[in-house]
Structure formats: structure tokens, C-alpha cells
Amino acid sequence: MGAPRVTPQEIVEMHRLYAKLGTYAAVGREIGRSGSTVAKYIKMQGVSLNIRLAVNNLMQTV
């Protein structure tokens, strides 16, 4: 089995921590994900439209 799926709430937290910590690796250590996973969701490259929309909606309410 692999790691559990990344949730939209977790992506919002990645963005918040990235703004604070400044590196993908530091965010990954903080939340228990790899730096490359964090980079994918900070850049939002290869992320499905559904996830992007959910993250945008969550970020507007925070």
C-alpha cells in the first residue's frame, strides 16, 4: 500500500507552511510528506481540476 491520499485541507496547510518555512523539505518534515509531494501541491502541477477547485475554495474561506 502507499501513503494515504493528500486531502485538500492538507494542501492548504502545505501552502500556509511553505509561506512560513520557505522550503518544500521543511514543510514535508513538518507534515510527514516528502519534499517532492509538497512541491507538486505547491506548484499544483499534475493535480486534478477537482482538487484544484476544492483547494481554491478552502483557501478563500481561510
N, C-alpha and C. Protein backbone atom coordinates (compact mmCIF):
# COMPACT_ATOMS: atom_id res chain seq x y z
N MET A 1 0.83 -1.19 0.00
CA MET A 1 0.00 0.00 0.00
C MET A 1 0.87 1.24 0.00
N GLY A 2 0.41 2.35 -0.35
CA GLY A 2 1.20 3.57 -0.33
C GLY A 2 0.76 4.49 0.79
N ALA A 3 1.23 5.69 0.70
CA ALA A 3 0.83 6.71 1.68
C ALA A 3 -0.62 7.08 1.44
N PRO A 4 -1.30 7.55 2.47
CA PRO A 4 -2.69 7.99 2.27
C PRO A 4 -2.76 9.17 1.31
N ARG A 5 -3.90 9.32 0.67
CA ARG A 5 -4.07 10.42 -0.28
C ARG A 5 -3.96 11.77 0.42
N VAL A 6 -3.50 12.73 -0.33
CA VAL A 6 -3.38 14.10 0.17
C VAL A 6 -4.76 14.75 0.07
N THR A 7 -5.22 15.33 1.17
CA THR A 7 -6.54 15.97 1.19
C THR A 7 -6.42 17.45 0.82
N PRO A 8 -7.51 18.05 0.36
CA PRO A 8 -7.47 19.49 0.09
C PRO A 8 -7.07 20.30 1.33
N GLN A 9 -7.52 19.89 2.51
CA GLN A 9 -7.15 20.60 3.73
C GLN A 9 -5.64 20.53 3.98
N GLU A 10 -5.07 19.38 3.66
CA GLU A 10 -3.63 19.20 3.82
C GLU A 10 -2.86 20.09 2.84
N ILE A 11 -3.40 20.25 1.64
CA ILE A 11 -2.75 21.11 0.63
C ILE A 11 -2.77 22.56 1.10
N VAL A 12 -3.89 22.99 1.66
CA VAL A 12 -3.96 24.35 2.20
C VAL A 12 -2.91 24.54 3.29
N GLU A 13 -2.77 23.53 4.15
CA GLU A 13 -1.76 23.59 5.20
C GLU A 13 -0.35 23.62 4.61
N MET A 14 -0.12 22.90 3.51
CA MET A 14 1.18 22.94 2.84
C MET A 14 1.49 24.36 2.39
N HIS A 15 0.50 25.01 1.79
CA HIS A 15 0.70 26.38 1.31
C HIS A 15 0.99 27.34 2.47
N ARG A 16 0.27 27.17 3.57
CA ARG A 16 0.48 28.02 4.75
C ARG A 16 1.90 27.82 5.29
N LEU A 17 2.30 26.56 5.44
CA LEU A 17 3.63 26.27 5.97
C LEU A 17 4.73 26.69 5.01
N TYR A 18 4.50 26.55 3.72
CA TYR A 18 5.51 26.95 2.74
C TYR A 18 5.76 28.46 2.83
N ALA A 19 4.69 29.23 3.03
CA ALA A 19 4.85 30.67 3.18
C ALA A 19 5.66 30.99 4.43
N LYS A 20 5.51 30.19 5.45
CA LYS A 20 6.21 30.41 6.72
C LYS A 20 7.64 29.86 6.69
N LEU A 21 7.83 28.64 6.19
CA LEU A 21 9.11 27.94 6.28
C LEU A 21 10.01 28.14 5.06
N GLY A 22 9.41 28.29 3.88
CA GLY A 22 10.18 28.63 2.69
C GLY A 22 10.78 27.50 1.88
N THR A 23 10.74 26.25 2.37
CA THR A 23 11.28 25.16 1.56
C THR A 23 10.32 23.98 1.56
N TYR A 24 10.34 23.24 0.48
CA TYR A 24 9.48 22.05 0.36
C TYR A 24 9.88 21.01 1.40
N ALA A 25 11.19 20.85 1.60
CA ALA A 25 11.68 19.84 2.54
C ALA A 25 11.22 20.14 3.97
N ALA A 26 11.29 21.41 4.36
CA ALA A 26 10.88 21.78 5.72
C ALA A 26 9.39 21.52 5.92
N VAL A 27 8.60 21.84 4.92
CA VAL A 27 7.15 21.58 5.00
C VAL A 27 6.91 20.07 5.09
N GLY A 28 7.60 19.33 4.26
CA GLY A 28 7.46 17.87 4.27
C GLY A 28 7.78 17.27 5.63
N ARG A 29 8.86 17.73 6.24
CA ARG A 29 9.21 17.24 7.57
C ARG A 29 8.12 17.57 8.58
N GLU A 30 7.57 18.75 8.47
CA GLU A 30 6.55 19.21 9.41
C GLU A 30 5.26 18.39 9.33
N ILE A 31 4.87 18.01 8.11
CA ILE A 31 3.58 17.32 7.95
C ILE A 31 3.71 15.83 7.66
N GLY A 32 4.94 15.35 7.51
CA GLY A 32 5.13 13.92 7.28
C GLY A 32 4.95 13.47 5.85
N ARG A 33 5.28 14.34 4.93
CA ARG A 33 5.25 14.03 3.49
C ARG A 33 6.62 14.31 2.90
N SER A 34 6.87 13.79 1.72
CA SER A 34 8.15 14.06 1.06
C SER A 34 8.17 15.47 0.49
N GLY A 35 9.37 16.00 0.34
CA GLY A 35 9.52 17.31 -0.27
C GLY A 35 8.97 17.36 -1.68
N SER A 36 9.11 16.25 -2.42
CA SER A 36 8.60 16.24 -3.80
C SER A 36 7.07 16.26 -3.83
N THR A 37 6.44 15.63 -2.85
CA THR A 37 4.98 15.69 -2.76
C THR A 37 4.54 17.12 -2.46
N VAL A 38 5.22 17.74 -1.52
CA VAL A 38 4.90 19.13 -1.18
C VAL A 38 5.08 20.02 -2.41
N ALA A 39 6.18 19.85 -3.14
CA ALA A 39 6.44 20.66 -4.33
C ALA A 39 5.32 20.50 -5.35
N LYS A 40 4.85 19.28 -5.55
CA LYS A 40 3.77 19.04 -6.51
C LYS A 40 2.54 19.85 -6.16
N TYR A 41 2.20 19.88 -4.88
CA TYR A 41 0.97 20.55 -4.47
C TYR A 41 1.15 22.05 -4.28
N ILE A 42 2.35 22.51 -4.06
CA ILE A 42 2.59 23.96 -4.04
C ILE A 42 2.52 24.50 -5.46
N LYS A 43 3.13 23.79 -6.40
CA LYS A 43 3.11 24.20 -7.81
C LYS A 43 1.78 23.88 -8.48
N MET A 44 1.04 22.91 -7.91
CA MET A 44 -0.25 22.45 -8.45
C MET A 44 -0.11 21.91 -9.87
N GLN A 45 1.05 21.28 -10.17
CA GLN A 45 1.27 20.68 -11.47
C GLN A 45 0.86 19.22 -11.42
N GLY A 46 0.05 18.79 -12.36
CA GLY A 46 -0.39 17.41 -12.41
C GLY A 46 -1.46 17.09 -11.38
N VAL A 47 -2.08 18.13 -10.84
CA VAL A 47 -3.13 17.95 -9.85
C VAL A 47 -4.47 18.08 -10.56
N SER A 48 -5.40 17.18 -10.25
CA SER A 48 -6.68 17.18 -10.95
C SER A 48 -7.45 18.48 -10.72
N LEU A 49 -8.31 18.80 -11.65
CA LEU A 49 -9.12 20.01 -11.57
C LEU A 49 -10.00 19.99 -10.32
N ASN A 50 -10.54 18.84 -9.97
CA ASN A 50 -11.38 18.76 -8.78
C ASN A 50 -10.62 19.17 -7.53
N ILE A 51 -9.40 18.70 -7.39
CA ILE A 51 -8.59 19.04 -6.22
C ILE A 51 -8.24 20.53 -6.25
N ARG A 52 -7.87 21.05 -7.42
CA ARG A 52 -7.54 22.47 -7.52
C ARG A 52 -8.72 23.35 -7.11
N LEU A 53 -9.92 22.99 -7.56
CA LEU A 53 -11.11 23.76 -7.20
C LEU A 53 -11.39 23.68 -5.70
N ALA A 54 -11.26 22.50 -5.14
CA ALA A 54 -11.50 22.34 -3.70
C ALA A 54 -10.50 23.16 -2.89
N VAL A 55 -9.24 23.15 -3.29
CA VAL A 55 -8.22 23.91 -2.58
C VAL A 55 -8.50 25.41 -2.71
N ASN A 56 -8.85 25.86 -3.91
CA ASN A 56 -9.17 27.28 -4.09
C ASN A 56 -10.33 27.70 -3.20
N ASN A 57 -11.35 26.87 -3.12
CA ASN A 57 -12.50 27.19 -2.26
C ASN A 57 -12.09 27.25 -0.79
N LEU A 58 -11.28 26.30 -0.36
CA LEU A 58 -10.82 26.30 1.03
C LEU A 58 -9.94 27.51 1.34
N MET A 59 -9.09 27.89 0.41
CA MET A 59 -8.18 29.00 0.64
C MET A 59 -8.95 30.32 0.72
N GLN A 60 -10.06 30.42 0.05
CA GLN A 60 -10.87 31.64 0.11
C GLN A 60 -11.60 31.77 1.44
N THR A 61 -11.87 30.64 2.10
CA THR A 61 -12.59 30.69 3.37
C THR A 61 -11.66 30.85 4.55
N VAL A 62 -10.35 30.69 4.33
CA VAL A 62 -9.39 30.79 5.44
C VAL A 62 -8.95 32.22 5.62
